């Protein structure tokens, strides 16, 4: 009964949040939120059953992309709409010629705005395609006016990807040592150790629930066993399991840290990682956002003196949530396929991108070829 009441509460909060952010409609540029294009014809609009199905379909449509992606797409559309207005051209229907000119202006701007990176330009194009689709139009990225311009931009301006620094074992131990031994410290210690040992994305860390189906916005749940913790995650590539074994000692064991947080936070339902009261003595029901993980990593990196040879601004720029995943990939001395499985990568090549230090010449094809 209690669980049903809590589920109902979370459902109400979720619907309220959805209403609050229901639109990406700014400056009257004709923006629509995901799923808003779903509507009934006037001849059947009075059907209560169909109305409920439309509401459910809209919820599913919104769930097709993350909130961060929807916000990015909204920004992309707003920027393009203003550009079109300044150039005196129409937003609808999509014009491949104008979009090709827009991409050119992003790569080599005529005004004071800085040039965007190739990855950002590519993301902007994806945002436009998504927004046009919501309005019933198809943007053909293979159209020659778009494809050739984008290919030229990539050829001329592409740079190797900037990778975040890996947080290695000695770093993560120094970072958790800076945390206090109060309730917040227990929570943050568990988040860092669990994220590192599991090679988790920051969104995966905060989306965990204690049990399956505790909340509608759950991204997975945990099961604590004798030899470790089993995490079931709804990741980008689908559902997957992540095994996190117990450490060699309690002070550095992610599973022990998790147990401590759940015990002293009195958390037996709902989100695993929640906010705490202002005095830090009570765990609340509100789920933490993934931004907390990013802030926590930067805060503890500075406190632990990691890369103290660099100015503070440069040190902060070096580390992010991906530093935890890169740390596991770089520091775990196991067969590569185990790291690939833990990170949930579809290919070994993707896993190698996360490995900041590895034996690149373990296989010497030059000698093998007789030279």
Foldseek 3Di string as FASTA:
>chain_A
DVLVVLQVVQVVVVVVVCVVPVWLQPPNLPGHAFLPLDDDDPVCRPDPVVVVVSVVSSVVRNVVDDPVLRNLLSVLSVVVSVVCVVVVHDVPPDDLLVLLVVLVCLQPNPDPDDRDALVSSVSSVVSSQVRNVSVVHGDDCPPCSNVVSSVVSCVPHPDPDDAFAAQAPVNLLLLLVLFDPALVSLLLNLLSLCCQQLLDFLQQSLLEKCDPPSYPSHQWYWDADPFFIWIWGQDPVGTAITTRGADPDLSRGSRNSLVVNCVQQVHRTATSRADADPVRRHGDRHTDHSVVNFVSVLVSCVVSCPPVVDPSVVSSVRDGSSSSSLRNLAHDPDDLVVSCRSNVHPDSVVSVVSHPDDDPVPDPVVVVVPD
